[in-house]
PDB file of N, CA and C in Angstrom:
ATOM      1  N   MET A   1      -6.371 -17.116 -15.727  1.00  0.00           N
ATOM      2  CA  MET A   1      -5.969 -17.178 -14.337  1.00  0.00           C
ATOM      3  C   MET A   1      -5.227 -15.900 -13.920  1.00  0.00           C
ATOM      4  N   LEU A   2      -4.341 -15.422 -14.806  1.00  0.00           N
ATOM      5  CA  LEU A   2      -3.573 -14.213 -14.505  1.00  0.00           C
ATOM      6  C   LEU A   2      -4.499 -13.001 -14.367  1.00  0.00           C
ATOM      7  N   ALA A   3      -5.517 -12.909 -15.215  1.00  0.00           N
ATOM      8  CA  ALA A   3      -6.470 -11.798 -15.123  1.00  0.00           C
ATOM      9  C   ALA A   3      -7.214 -11.832 -13.796  1.00  0.00           C
ATOM     10  N   LEU A   4      -7.576 -13.005 -13.329  1.00  0.00           N
ATOM     11  CA  LEU A   4      -8.247 -13.150 -12.041  1.00  0.00           C
ATOM     12  C   LEU A   4      -7.329 -12.704 -10.910  1.00  0.00           C
ATOM     13  N   TRP A   5      -6.056 -13.072 -10.991  1.00  0.00           N
ATOM     14  CA  TRP A   5      -5.071 -12.671  -9.980  1.00  0.00           C
ATOM     15  C   TRP A   5      -4.981 -11.146  -9.912  1.00  0.00           C
ATOM     16  N   ASP A   6      -4.881 -10.477 -11.092  1.00  0.00           N
ATOM     17  CA  ASP A   6      -4.820  -9.014 -11.130  1.00  0.00           C
ATOM     18  C   ASP A   6      -6.088  -8.390 -10.564  1.00  0.00           C
ATOM     19  N   PHE A   7      -7.238  -8.948 -10.875  1.00  0.00           N
ATOM     20  CA  PHE A   7      -8.513  -8.427 -10.394  1.00  0.00           C
ATOM     21  C   PHE A   7      -8.634  -8.563  -8.882  1.00  0.00           C
ATOM     22  N   ALA A   8      -8.109  -9.637  -8.330  1.00  0.00           N
ATOM     23  CA  ALA A   8      -8.261  -9.919  -6.903  1.00  0.00           C
ATOM     24  C   ALA A   8      -7.234  -9.201  -6.029  1.00  0.00           C
ATOM     25  N   THR A   9      -6.184  -8.649  -6.634  1.00  0.00           N
ATOM     26  CA  THR A   9      -5.134  -7.972  -5.877  1.00  0.00           C
ATOM     27  C   THR A   9      -5.587  -6.563  -5.487  1.00  0.00           C
ATOM     28  N   PRO A  10      -5.455  -6.177  -4.200  1.00  0.00           N
ATOM     29  CA  PRO A  10      -5.843  -4.816  -3.804  1.00  0.00           C
ATOM     30  C   PRO A  10      -4.957  -3.774  -4.483  1.00  0.00           C
ATOM     31  N   TYR A  11      -5.546  -2.655  -4.824  1.00  0.00           N
ATOM     32  CA  TYR A  11      -4.849  -1.599  -5.550  1.00  0.00           C
ATOM     33  C   TYR A  11      -4.977  -0.281  -4.782  1.00  0.00           C
ATOM     34  N   VAL A  12      -3.925   0.532  -4.828  1.00  0.00           N
ATOM     35  CA  VAL A  12      -3.938   1.854  -4.197  1.00  0.00           C
ATOM     36  C   VAL A  12      -3.783   2.901  -5.295  1.00  0.00           C
ATOM     37  N   SER A  13      -4.690   3.871  -5.306  1.00  0.00           N
ATOM     38  CA  SER A  13      -4.634   4.979  -6.262  1.00  0.00           C
ATOM     39  C   SER A  13      -4.383   6.275  -5.513  1.00  0.00           C
ATOM     40  N   VAL A  14      -3.495   7.104  -6.060  1.00  0.00           N
ATOM     41  CA  VAL A  14      -3.213   8.428  -5.507  1.00  0.00           C
ATOM     42  C   VAL A  14      -3.524   9.447  -6.596  1.00  0.00           C
ATOM     43  N   TYR A  15      -4.396  10.396  -6.273  1.00  0.00           N
ATOM     44  CA  TYR A  15      -4.810  11.438  -7.210  1.00  0.00           C
ATOM     45  C   TYR A  15      -4.291  12.787  -6.723  1.00  0.00           C
ATOM     46  N   TYR A  16      -3.752  13.575  -7.654  1.00  0.00           N
ATOM     47  CA  TYR A  16      -3.195  14.892  -7.346  1.00  0.00           C
ATOM     48  C   TYR A  16      -4.119  15.958  -7.941  1.00  0.00           C
ATOM     49  N   SER A  17      -4.432  16.955  -7.165  1.00  0.00           N
ATOM     50  CA  SER A  17      -5.390  17.990  -7.552  1.00  0.00           C
ATOM     51  C   SER A  17      -5.039  18.659  -8.881  1.00  0.00           C
ATOM     52  N   ASP A  18      -6.056  18.892  -9.685  1.00  0.00           N
ATOM     53  CA  ASP A  18      -5.848  19.609 -10.945  1.00  0.00           C
ATOM     54  C   ASP A  18      -5.653  21.108 -10.715  1.00  0.00           C
ATOM     55  N   LYS A  19      -5.829  21.565  -9.487  1.00  0.00           N
ATOM     56  CA  LYS A  19      -5.623  22.977  -9.144  1.00  0.00           C
ATOM     57  C   LYS A  19      -4.185  23.266  -8.696  1.00  0.00           C
ATOM     58  N   ALA A  20      -3.351  22.244  -8.634  1.00  0.00           N
ATOM     59  CA  ALA A  20      -1.958  22.405  -8.211  1.00  0.00           C
ATOM     60  C   ALA A  20      -1.161  23.140  -9.287  1.00  0.00           C
ATOM     61  N   ASP A  21      -0.058  23.760  -8.866  1.00  0.00           N
ATOM     62  CA  ASP A  21       0.784  24.513  -9.796  1.00  0.00           C
ATOM     63  C   ASP A  21       1.941  23.705 -10.364  1.00  0.00           C
ATOM     64  N   GLY A  22       2.459  22.762  -9.605  1.00  0.00           N
ATOM     65  CA  GLY A  22       3.653  22.055 -10.047  1.00  0.00           C
ATOM     66  C   GLY A  22       3.552  20.556  -9.876  1.00  0.00           C
ATOM     67  N   GLU A  23       4.564  19.883 -10.354  1.00  0.00           N
ATOM     68  CA  GLU A  23       4.624  18.431 -10.305  1.00  0.00           C
ATOM     69  C   GLU A  23       5.123  17.938  -8.952  1.00  0.00           C
ATOM     70  N   LEU A  24       4.627  16.788  -8.546  1.00  0.00           N
ATOM     71  CA  LEU A  24       5.140  16.086  -7.375  1.00  0.00           C
ATOM     72  C   LEU A  24       5.972  14.903  -7.841  1.00  0.00           C
ATOM     73  N   SER A  25       7.091  14.689  -7.193  1.00  0.00           N
ATOM     74  CA  SER A  25       7.849  13.453  -7.394  1.00  0.00           C
ATOM     75  C   SER A  25       7.354  12.449  -6.372  1.00  0.00           C
ATOM     76  N   TYR A  26       7.470  11.165  -6.678  1.00  0.00           N
ATOM     77  CA  TYR A  26       7.000  10.154  -5.731  1.00  0.00           C
ATOM     78  C   TYR A  26       7.856   8.899  -5.786  1.00  0.00           C
ATOM     79  N   THR A  27       7.765   8.132  -4.711  1.00  0.00           N
ATOM     80  CA  THR A  27       8.352   6.798  -4.634  1.00  0.00           C
ATOM     81  C   THR A  27       7.345   5.877  -3.974  1.00  0.00           C
ATOM     82  N   TRP A  28       7.046   4.762  -4.612  1.00  0.00           N
ATOM     83  CA  TRP A  28       6.274   3.673  -4.007  1.00  0.00           C
ATOM     84  C   TRP A  28       7.276   2.660  -3.484  1.00  0.00           C
ATOM     85  N   ILE A  29       7.106   2.203  -2.266  1.00  0.00           N
ATOM     86  CA  ILE A  29       7.936   1.128  -1.715  1.00  0.00           C
ATOM     87  C   ILE A  29       6.970   0.070  -1.199  1.00  0.00           C
ATOM     88  N   THR A  30       6.912  -1.040  -1.905  1.00  0.00           N
ATOM     89  CA  THR A  30       5.992  -2.120  -1.560  1.00  0.00           C
ATOM     90  C   THR A  30       6.810  -3.387  -1.375  1.00  0.00           C
ATOM     91  N   ASP A  31       6.955  -3.804  -0.123  1.00  0.00           N
ATOM     92  CA  ASP A  31       7.823  -4.935   0.211  1.00  0.00           C
ATOM     93  C   ASP A  31       9.172  -4.738  -0.471  1.00  0.00           C
ATOM     94  N   ASN A  32       9.549  -5.572  -1.412  1.00  0.00           N
ATOM     95  CA  ASN A  32      10.862  -5.467  -2.050  1.00  0.00           C
ATOM     96  C   ASN A  32      10.804  -4.787  -3.415  1.00  0.00           C
ATOM     97  N   ARG A  33       9.734  -4.076  -3.709  1.00  0.00           N
ATOM     98  CA  ARG A  33       9.554  -3.422  -5.006  1.00  0.00           C
ATOM     99  C   ARG A  33       9.572  -1.906  -4.802  1.00  0.00           C
ATOM    100  N   ILE A  34      10.342  -1.201  -5.635  1.00  0.00           N
ATOM    101  CA  ILE A  34      10.416   0.259  -5.573  1.00  0.00           C
ATOM    102  C   ILE A  34      10.073   0.817  -6.947  1.00  0.00           C
ATOM    103  N   LYS A  35       9.208   1.841  -6.969  1.00  0.00           N
ATOM    104  CA  LYS A  35       8.802   2.481  -8.223  1.00  0.00           C
ATOM    105  C   LYS A  35       8.838   3.990  -8.006  1.00  0.00           C
ATOM    106  N   ARG A  36       9.476   4.712  -8.932  1.00  0.00           N
ATOM    107  CA  ARG A  36       9.599   6.166  -8.823  1.00  0.00           C
ATOM    108  C   ARG A  36       8.974   6.840 -10.041  1.00  0.00           C
ATOM    109  N   GLY A  37       8.539   8.075  -9.839  1.00  0.00           N
ATOM    110  CA  GLY A  37       7.967   8.815 -10.955  1.00  0.00           C
ATOM    111  C   GLY A  37       7.551  10.203 -10.539  1.00  0.00           C
ATOM    112  N   GLY A  38       6.695  10.813 -11.345  1.00  0.00           N
ATOM    113  CA  GLY A  38       6.180  12.144 -11.072  1.00  0.00           C
ATOM    114  C   GLY A  38       4.710  12.223 -11.436  1.00  0.00           C
ATOM    115  N   ILE A  39       3.991  13.105 -10.747  1.00  0.00           N
ATOM    116  CA  ILE A  39       2.572  13.324 -11.019  1.00  0.00           C
ATOM    117  C   ILE A  39       2.386  14.810 -11.301  1.00  0.00           C
ATOM    118  N   GLY A  40       1.832  15.133 -12.433  1.00  0.00           N
ATOM    119  CA  GLY A  40       1.480  16.505 -12.744  1.00  0.00           C
ATOM    120  C   GLY A  40       0.103  16.832 -12.185  1.00  0.00           C
ATOM    121  N   PRO A  41      -0.249  18.118 -12.141  1.00  0.00           N
ATOM    122  CA  PRO A  41      -1.580  18.505 -11.677  1.00  0.00           C
ATOM    123  C   PRO A  41      -2.673  17.753 -12.445  1.00  0.00           C
ATOM    124  N   GLY A  42      -3.632  17.206 -11.705  1.00  0.00           N
ATOM    125  CA  GLY A  42      -4.706  16.426 -12.302  1.00  0.00           C
ATOM    126  C   GLY A  42      -4.325  14.991 -12.610  1.00  0.00           C
ATOM    127  N   GLY A  43      -3.101  14.608 -12.289  1.00  0.00           N
ATOM    128  CA  GLY A  43      -2.610  13.270 -12.599  1.00  0.00           C
ATOM    129  C   GLY A  43      -2.854  12.280 -11.473  1.00  0.00           C
ATOM    130  N   ALA A  44      -2.466  11.054 -11.736  1.00  0.00           N
ATOM    131  CA  ALA A  44      -2.650   9.985 -10.755  1.00  0.00           C
ATOM    132  C   ALA A  44      -1.550   8.952 -10.914  1.00  0.00           C
ATOM    133  N   THR A  45      -1.368   8.178  -9.869  1.00  0.00           N
ATOM    134  CA  THR A  45      -0.457   7.045  -9.892  1.00  0.00           C
ATOM    135  C   THR A  45      -1.065   5.959  -9.020  1.00  0.00           C
ATOM    136  N   GLY A  46      -0.508   4.784  -9.104  1.00  0.00           N
ATOM    137  CA  GLY A  46      -1.023   3.703  -8.277  1.00  0.00           C
ATOM    138  C   GLY A  46      -0.072   2.530  -8.247  1.00  0.00           C
ATOM    139  N   ASP A  47      -0.331   1.632  -7.323  1.00  0.00           N
ATOM    140  CA  ASP A  47       0.461   0.413  -7.195  1.00  0.00           C
ATOM    141  C   ASP A  47      -0.423  -0.652  -6.560  1.00  0.00           C
ATOM    142  N   SER A  48      -0.067  -1.883  -6.793  1.00  0.00           N
ATOM    143  CA  SER A  48      -0.859  -2.983  -6.241  1.00  0.00           C
ATOM    144  C   SER A  48      -0.194  -3.547  -4.997  1.00  0.00           C
ATOM    145  N   GLY A  49      -1.030  -4.017  -4.097  1.00  0.00           N
ATOM    146  CA  GLY A  49      -0.535  -4.694  -2.904  1.00  0.00           C
ATOM    147  C   GLY A  49      -0.310  -6.163  -3.217  1.00  0.00           C
ATOM    148  N   HIS A  50      -0.462  -6.997  -2.236  1.00  0.00           N
ATOM    149  CA  HIS A  50      -0.341  -8.441  -2.415  1.00  0.00           C
ATOM    150  C   HIS A  50      -1.686  -9.084  -2.152  1.00  0.00           C
ATOM    151  N   LEU A  51      -1.965 -10.122  -2.900  1.00  0.00           N
ATOM    152  CA  LEU A  51      -3.227 -10.832  -2.731  1.00  0.00           C
ATOM    153  C   LEU A  51      -3.314 -11.446  -1.339  1.00  0.00           C
ATOM    154  N   PHE A  52      -2.227 -12.074  -0.907  1.00  0.00           N
ATOM    155  CA  PHE A  52      -2.165 -12.674   0.427  1.00  0.00           C
ATOM    156  C   PHE A  52      -1.073 -11.945   1.208  1.00  0.00           C
ATOM    157  N   GLN A  53      -1.471 -10.916   1.961  1.00  0.00           N
ATOM    158  CA  GLN A  53      -0.504 -10.106   2.684  1.00  0.00           C
ATOM    159  C   GLN A  53      -0.057 -10.815   3.955  1.00  0.00           C
ATOM    160  N   LYS A  54       1.260 -10.932   4.090  1.00  0.00           N
ATOM    161  CA  LYS A  54       1.826 -11.499   5.313  1.00  0.00           C
ATOM    162  C   LYS A  54       1.824 -10.438   6.403  1.00  0.00           C
ATOM    163  N   LYS A  55       2.084 -10.872   7.612  1.00  0.00           N
ATOM    164  CA  LYS A  55       2.067  -9.961   8.755  1.00  0.00           C
ATOM    165  C   LYS A  55       3.078  -8.819   8.605  1.00  0.00           C
ATOM    166  N   ASP A  56       4.211  -9.079   7.954  1.00  0.00           N
ATOM    167  CA  ASP A  56       5.249  -8.061   7.818  1.00  0.00           C
ATOM    168  C   ASP A  56       5.142  -7.273   6.503  1.00  0.00           C
ATOM    169  N   PHE A  57       4.023  -7.383   5.790  1.00  0.00           N
ATOM    170  CA  PHE A  57       3.815  -6.636   4.550  1.00  0.00           C
ATOM    171  C   PHE A  57       3.870  -5.133   4.831  1.00  0.00           C
ATOM    172  N   PHE A  58       4.480  -4.374   3.923  1.00  0.00           N
ATOM    173  CA  PHE A  58       4.469  -2.919   4.051  1.00  0.00           C
ATOM    174  C   PHE A  58       4.344  -2.272   2.680  1.00  0.00           C
ATOM    175  N   MET A  59       3.694  -1.125   2.674  1.00  0.00           N
ATOM    176  CA  MET A  59       3.533  -0.330   1.460  1.00  0.00           C
ATOM    177  C   MET A  59       3.599   1.137   1.859  1.00  0.00           C
ATOM    178  N   TYR A  60       4.613   1.844   1.348  1.00  0.00           N
ATOM    179  CA  TYR A  60       4.783   3.261   1.636  1.00  0.00           C
ATOM    180  C   TYR A  60       4.644   4.053   0.343  1.00  0.00           C
ATOM    181  N   PHE A  61       4.063   5.237   0.471  1.00  0.00           N
ATOM    182  CA  PHE A  61       4.034   6.179  -0.641  1.00  0.00           C
ATOM    183  C   PHE A  61       4.639   7.479  -0.133  1.00  0.00           C
ATOM    184  N   GLN A  62       5.735   7.917  -0.768  1.00  0.00           N
ATOM    185  CA  GLN A  62       6.405   9.169  -0.414  1.00  0.00           C
ATOM    186  C   GLN A  62       6.216  10.149  -1.565  1.00  0.00           C
ATOM    187  N   TRP A  63       5.989  11.424  -1.242  1.00  0.00           N
ATOM    188  CA  TRP A  63       5.877  12.441  -2.287  1.00  0.00           C
ATOM    189  C   TRP A  63       6.557  13.714  -1.821  1.00  0.00           C
ATOM    190  N   TRP A  64       7.029  14.522  -2.792  1.00  0.00           N
ATOM    191  CA  TRP A  64       7.713  15.769  -2.479  1.00  0.00           C
ATOM    192  C   TRP A  64       7.722  16.660  -3.720  1.00  0.00           C
ATOM    193  N   ASP A  65       8.045  17.930  -3.489  1.00  0.00           N
ATOM    194  CA  ASP A  65       8.234  18.868  -4.593  1.00  0.00           C
ATOM    195  C   ASP A  65       9.435  19.743  -4.275  1.00  0.00           C
ATOM    196  N   ASN A  66       9.717  20.691  -5.142  1.00  0.00           N
ATOM    197  CA  ASN A  66      10.870  21.576  -4.941  1.00  0.00           C
ATOM    198  C   ASN A  66      10.571  22.738  -4.011  1.00  0.00           C
ATOM    199  N   ALA A  67       9.324  22.875  -3.568  1.00  0.00           N
ATOM    200  CA  ALA A  67       8.934  23.985  -2.695  1.00  0.00           C
ATOM    201  C   ALA A  67       8.925  23.586  -1.219  1.00  0.00           C
ATOM    202  N   GLY A  68       9.363  22.386  -0.889  1.00  0.00           N
ATOM    203  CA  GLY A  68       9.450  21.974   0.510  1.00  0.00           C
ATOM    204  C   GLY A  68       8.337  21.070   0.992  1.00  0.00           C
ATOM    205  N   ILE A  69       7.396  20.722   0.132  1.00  0.00           N
ATOM    206  CA  ILE A  69       6.355  19.771   0.530  1.00  0.00           C
ATOM    207  C   ILE A  69       6.959  18.376   0.522  1.00  0.00           C
ATOM    208  N   ARG A  70       6.761  17.640   1.607  1.00  0.00           N
ATOM    209  CA  ARG A  70       7.270  16.272   1.705  1.00  0.00           C
ATOM    210  C   ARG A  70       6.280  15.478   2.530  1.00  0.00           C
ATOM    211  N   GLY A  71       5.900  14.331   2.036  1.00  0.00           N
ATOM    212  CA  GLY A  71       4.959  13.497   2.769  1.00  0.00           C
ATOM    213  C   GLY A  71       5.280  12.027   2.601  1.00  0.00           C
ATOM    214  N   CYS A  72       4.854  11.241   3.561  1.00  0.00           N
ATOM    215  CA  CYS A  72       5.026   9.793   3.502  1.00  0.00           C
ATOM    216  C   CYS A  72       3.868   9.151   4.244  1.00  0.00           C
ATOM    217  N   VAL A  73       3.297   8.125   3.654  1.00  0.00           N
ATOM    218  CA  VAL A  73       2.183   7.436   4.278  1.00  0.00           C
ATOM    219  C   VAL A  73       2.401   5.928   4.172  1.00  0.00           C
ATOM    220  N   ASN A  74       2.116   5.239   5.264  1.00  0.00           N
ATOM    221  CA  ASN A  74       2.153   3.779   5.325  1.00  0.00           C
ATOM    222  C   ASN A  74       0.733   3.309   5.014  1.00  0.00           C
ATOM    223  N   ILE A  75       0.571   2.488   3.991  1.00  0.00           N
ATOM    224  CA  ILE A  75      -0.757   2.127   3.505  1.00  0.00           C
ATOM    225  C   ILE A  75      -1.044   0.656   3.775  1.00  0.00           C
ATOM    226  N   ASP A  76      -2.246   0.396   4.243  1.00  0.00           N
ATOM    227  CA  ASP A  76      -2.756  -0.966   4.391  1.00  0.00           C
ATOM    228  C   ASP A  76      -3.832  -1.147   3.322  1.00  0.00           C
ATOM    229  N   PRO A  77      -3.453  -1.595   2.119  1.00  0.00           N
ATOM    230  CA  PRO A  77      -4.417  -1.642   1.026  1.00  0.00           C
ATOM    231  C   PRO A  77      -5.544  -2.633   1.279  1.00  0.00           C
ATOM    232  N   GLN A  78      -6.729  -2.238   0.877  1.00  0.00           N
ATOM    233  CA  GLN A  78      -7.898  -3.093   1.037  1.00  0.00           C
ATOM    234  C   GLN A  78      -8.529  -3.294  -0.334  1.00  0.00           C
ATOM    235  N   TRP A  79      -8.961  -4.510  -0.606  1.00  0.00           N
ATOM    236  CA  TRP A  79      -9.586  -4.813  -1.879  1.00  0.00           C
ATOM    237  C   TRP A  79     -10.938  -4.137  -1.953  1.00  0.00           C
ATOM    238  N   PRO A  80     -11.371  -3.620  -3.065  1.00  0.00           N
ATOM    239  CA  PRO A  80     -10.674  -3.644  -4.346  1.00  0.00           C
ATOM    240  C   PRO A  80      -9.692  -2.485  -4.512  1.00  0.00           C
ATOM    241  N   GLU A  81      -9.956  -1.354  -3.834  1.00  0.00           N
ATOM    242  CA  GLU A  81      -9.090  -0.196  -4.033  1.00  0.00           C
ATOM    243  C   GLU A  81      -9.067   0.687  -2.791  1.00  0.00           C
ATOM    244  N   THR A  82      -7.891   1.222  -2.504  1.00  0.00           N
ATOM    245  CA  THR A  82      -7.703   2.234  -1.472  1.00  0.00           C
ATOM    246  C   THR A  82      -7.329   3.517  -2.205  1.00  0.00           C
ATOM    247  N   THR A  83      -7.934   4.627  -1.813  1.00  0.00           N
ATOM    248  CA  THR A  83      -7.765   5.877  -2.550  1.00  0.00           C
ATOM    249  C   THR A  83      -7.222   6.974  -1.646  1.00  0.00           C
ATOM    250  N   ILE A  84      -6.251   7.731  -2.176  1.00  0.00           N
ATOM    251  CA  ILE A  84      -5.677   8.878  -1.486  1.00  0.00           C
ATOM    252  C   ILE A  84      -5.737  10.069  -2.434  1.00  0.00           C
ATOM    253  N   PHE A  85      -6.189  11.207  -1.916  1.00  0.00           N
ATOM    254  CA  PHE A  85      -6.214  12.441  -2.693  1.00  0.00           C
ATOM    255  C   PHE A  85      -5.227  13.419  -2.076  1.00  0.00           C
ATOM    256  N   ILE A  86      -4.400  14.026  -2.919  1.00  0.00           N
ATOM    257  CA  ILE A  86      -3.454  15.054  -2.487  1.00  0.00           C
ATOM    258  C   ILE A  86      -3.954  16.381  -3.042  1.00  0.00           C
ATOM    259  N   ASP A  87      -4.104  17.374  -2.152  1.00  0.00           N
ATOM    260  CA  ASP A  87      -4.678  18.652  -2.576  1.00  0.00           C
ATOM    261  C   ASP A  87      -3.654  19.511  -3.321  1.00  0.00           C
ATOM    262  N   ALA A  88      -4.078  20.694  -3.747  1.00  0.00           N
ATOM    263  CA  ALA A  88      -3.231  21.590  -4.536  1.00  0.00           C
ATOM    264  C   ALA A  88      -1.998  22.058  -3.776  1.00  0.00           C
ATOM    265  N   ASN A  89      -2.024  21.990  -2.435  1.00  0.00           N
ATOM    266  CA  ASN A  89      -0.880  22.384  -1.611  1.00  0.00           C
ATOM    267  C   ASN A  89       0.061  21.223  -1.331  1.00  0.00           C
ATOM    268  N   GLY A  90      -0.207  20.051  -1.881  1.00  0.00           N
ATOM    269  CA  GLY A  90       0.654  18.890  -1.675  1.00  0.00           C
ATOM    270  C   GLY A  90       0.373  18.149  -0.387  1.00  0.00           C
ATOM    271  N   ARG A  91      -0.775  18.416   0.224  1.00  0.00           N
ATOM    272  CA  ARG A  91      -1.140  17.750   1.478  1.00  0.00           C
ATOM    273  C   ARG A  91      -2.245  16.735   1.219  1.00  0.00           C
ATOM    274  N   MET A  92      -2.305  15.728   2.055  1.00  0.00           N
ATOM    275  CA  MET A  92      -3.391  14.761   1.934  1.00  0.00           C
ATOM    276  C   MET A  92      -4.705  15.471   2.184  1.00  0.00           C
ATOM    277  N   ASP A  93      -5.692  15.216   1.344  1.00  0.00           N
ATOM    278  CA  ASP A  93      -7.008  15.825   1.485  1.00  0.00           C
ATOM    279  C   ASP A  93      -7.799  15.029   2.511  1.00  0.00           C
ATOM    280  N   LEU A  94      -7.937  15.600   3.698  1.00  0.00           N
ATOM    281  CA  LEU A  94      -8.646  14.929   4.789  1.00  0.00           C
ATOM    282  C   LEU A  94     -10.017  15.547   5.022  1.00  0.00           C
ATOM    283  N   ASN A  95     -10.527  16.260   4.041  1.00  0.00           N
ATOM    284  CA  ASN A  95     -11.853  16.852   4.106  1.00  0.00           C
ATOM    285  C   ASN A  95     -12.870  15.765   4.435  1.00  0.00           C
ATOM    286  N   ALA A  96     -13.802  16.070   5.306  1.00  0.00           N
ATOM    287  CA  ALA A  96     -14.803  15.079   5.716  1.00  0.00           C
ATOM    288  C   ALA A  96     -15.595  14.545   4.527  1.00  0.00           C
ATOM    289  N   LYS A  97     -15.755  15.352   3.493  1.00  0.00           N
ATOM    290  CA  LYS A  97     -16.479  14.900   2.304  1.00  0.00           C
ATOM    291  C   LYS A  97     -15.543  14.312   1.257  1.00  0.00           C
ATOM    292  N   GLY A  98     -14.244  14.336   1.529  1.00  0.00           N
ATOM    293  CA  GLY A  98     -13.271  13.807   0.584  1.00  0.00           C
ATOM    294  C   GLY A  98     -13.343  12.291   0.501  1.00  0.00           C
ATOM    295  N   ALA A  99     -12.688  11.767  -0.501  1.00  0.00           N
ATOM    296  CA  ALA A  99     -12.751  10.324  -0.727  1.00  0.00           C
ATOM    297  C   ALA A  99     -11.500   9.590  -0.251  1.00  0.00           C
ATOM    298  N   THR A 100     -10.585  10.285   0.438  1.00  0.00           N
ATOM    299  CA  THR A 100      -9.392   9.614   0.952  1.00  0.00           C
ATOM    300  C   THR A 100      -9.799   8.593   2.007  1.00  0.00           C
ATOM    301  N   ASP A 101      -9.282   7.387   1.867  1.00  0.00           N
ATOM    302  CA  ASP A 101      -9.591   6.299   2.803  1.00  0.00           C
ATOM    303  C   ASP A 101      -8.731   6.437   4.058  1.00  0.00           C
ATOM    304  N   VAL A 102      -9.102   7.356   4.951  1.00  0.00           N
ATOM    305  CA  VAL A 102      -8.263   7.694   6.099  1.00  0.00           C
ATOM    306  C   VAL A 102      -8.026   6.525   7.043  1.00  0.00           C
ATOM    307  N   LYS A 103      -8.880   5.537   7.053  1.00  0.00           N
ATOM    308  CA  LYS A 103      -8.701   4.390   7.949  1.00  0.00           C
ATOM    309  C   LYS A 103      -7.670   3.401   7.424  1.00  0.00           C
ATOM    310  N   ARG A 104      -7.185   3.594   6.210  1.00  0.00           N
ATOM    311  CA  ARG A 104      -6.287   2.636   5.576  1.00  0.00           C
ATOM    312  C   ARG A 104      -4.829   3.068   5.621  1.00  0.00           C
ATOM    313  N   PHE A 105      -4.495   4.161   6.301  1.00  0.00           N
ATOM    314  CA  PHE A 105      -3.102   4.580   6.321  1.00  0.00           C
ATOM    315  C   PHE A 105      -2.685   5.116   7.679  1.00  0.00           C
ATOM    316  N   SER A 106      -1.362   5.217   7.856  1.00  0.00           N
ATOM    317  CA  SER A 106      -0.752   5.711   9.085  1.00  0.00           C
ATOM    318  C   SER A 106       0.590   6.350   8.713  1.00  0.00           C
ATOM    319  N   PRO A 107       1.228   7.048   9.655  1.00  0.00           N
ATOM    320  CA  PRO A 107       2.534   7.643   9.352  1.00  0.00           C
ATOM    321  C   PRO A 107       3.573   6.578   9.022  1.00  0.00           C
ATOM    322  N   CYS A 108       4.526   6.932   8.181  1.00  0.00           N
ATOM    323  CA  CYS A 108       5.646   6.033   7.912  1.00  0.00           C
ATOM    324  C   CYS A 108       6.476   5.914   9.188  1.00  0.00           C
ATOM    325  N   PRO A 109       6.925   4.726   9.522  1.00  0.00           N
ATOM    326  CA  PRO A 109       7.683   4.558  10.767  1.00  0.00           C
ATOM    327  C   PRO A 109       9.081   5.169  10.682  1.00  0.00           C
ATOM    328  N   ASP A 110       9.478   5.829  11.747  1.00  0.00           N
ATOM    329  CA  ASP A 110      10.847   6.341  11.895  1.00  0.00           C
ATOM    330  C   ASP A 110      11.329   7.125  10.688  1.00  0.00           C
ATOM    331  N   ASP A 111      10.497   7.981  10.158  1.00  0.00           N
ATOM    332  CA  ASP A 111      10.888   8.756   8.988  1.00  0.00           C
ATOM    333  C   ASP A 111      10.905  10.232   9.341  1.00  0.00           C
ATOM    334  N   GLU A 112      12.076  10.744   9.649  1.00  0.00           N
ATOM    335  CA  GLU A 112      12.228  12.140  10.051  1.00  0.00           C
ATOM    336  C   GLU A 112      12.140  13.089   8.859  1.00  0.00           C
ATOM    337  N   GLU A 113      12.476  12.601   7.672  1.00  0.00           N
ATOM    338  CA  GLU A 113      12.541  13.479   6.507  1.00  0.00           C
ATOM    339  C   GLU A 113      11.156  13.822   5.959  1.00  0.00           C
ATOM    340  N   PHE A 114      10.223  12.888   6.044  1.00  0.00           N
ATOM    341  CA  PHE A 114       8.908  13.081   5.446  1.00  0.00           C
ATOM    342  C   PHE A 114       7.843  13.241   6.515  1.00  0.00           C
ATOM    343  N   ASP A 115       6.941  14.173   6.306  1.00  0.00           N
ATOM    344  CA  ASP A 115       5.826  14.410   7.207  1.00  0.00           C
ATOM    345  C   ASP A 115       4.643  13.552   6.777  1.00  0.00           C
ATOM    346  N   PHE A 116       3.840  13.150   7.721  1.00  0.00           N
ATOM    347  CA  PHE A 116       2.704  12.272   7.472  1.00  0.00           C
ATOM    348  C   PHE A 116       1.705  12.855   6.482  1.00  0.00           C
ATOM    349  N   LEU A 117       1.381  14.112   6.615  1.00  0.00           N
ATOM    350  CA  LEU A 117       0.327  14.698   5.794  1.00  0.00           C
ATOM    351  C   LEU A 117       0.834  15.518   4.617  1.00  0.00           C
ATOM    352  N   GLY A 118       2.144  15.629   4.460  1.00  0.00           N
ATOM    353  CA  GLY A 118       2.674  16.434   3.371  1.00  0.00           C
ATOM    354  C   GLY A 118       2.858  17.887   3.744  1.00  0.00           C
ATOM    355  N   MET A 119       3.013  18.158   5.026  1.00  0.00           N
ATOM    356  CA  MET A 119       3.207  19.529   5.493  1.00  0.00           C
ATOM    357  C   MET A 119       4.683  19.895   5.359  1.00  0.00           C
ATOM    358  N   PRO A 120       4.979  21.173   5.074  1.00  0.00           N
ATOM    359  CA  PRO A 120       6.378  21.582   5.025  1.00  0.00           C
ATOM    360  C   PRO A 120       7.019  21.413   6.400  1.00  0.00           C
ATOM    361  N   LYS A 121       8.247  20.956   6.417  1.00  0.00           N
ATOM    362  CA  LYS A 121       8.974  20.817   7.676  1.00  0.00           C
ATOM    363  C   LYS A 121       9.383  22.198   8.176  1.00  0.00           C
ATOM    364  N   PRO A 122       9.257  22.451   9.482  1.00  0.00           N
ATOM    365  CA  PRO A 122       9.687  23.750  10.006  1.00  0.00           C
ATOM    366  C   PRO A 122      11.200  23.897   9.877  1.00  0.00           C
ATOM    367  N   ALA A 123      11.628  25.125   9.675  1.00  0.00           N
ATOM    368  CA  ALA A 123      13.062  25.395   9.576  1.00  0.00           C
ATOM    369  C   ALA A 123      13.717  25.117  10.921  1.00  0.00           C
ATOM    370  N   ALA A 124      14.956  24.667  10.876  1.00  0.00           N
ATOM    371  CA  ALA A 124      15.704  24.402  12.109  1.00  0.00           C
ATOM    372  C   ALA A 124      15.909  25.711  12.860  1.00  0.00           C
ATOM    373  N   LEU A 125      15.770  25.648  14.168  1.00  0.00           N
ATOM    374  CA  LEU A 125      15.943  26.858  14.986  1.00  0.00           C
ATOM    375  C   LEU A 125      17.382  27.078  15.325  1.00  0.00           C
TER     376      LEU A 125
END
């Protein structure tokens, strides 16, 4: 029964380009669960959603590095898997031929610190 539950739960995978130079730090925030870690070039991470998502369900993935790249995405996971690719510059790969599920995510709400696509924040004027 437990194996069936795991199989039926939607999963989100994030892949980081093997052409990147440095590691990205990340935080997954899924309802009341928080998971932190790092992804090296060519690495991946992931987290599972909920089998029965309530209306107030939320899943955020935040990533950053020491060079000023910062991103945050609000994810609506879909079974069996939602996939996000982060390019060598630390930005979401939105290439038309890319495999990022662009219809499954949106900007994180009210988050001034993190940019939606992983773009460096402009310096204060």
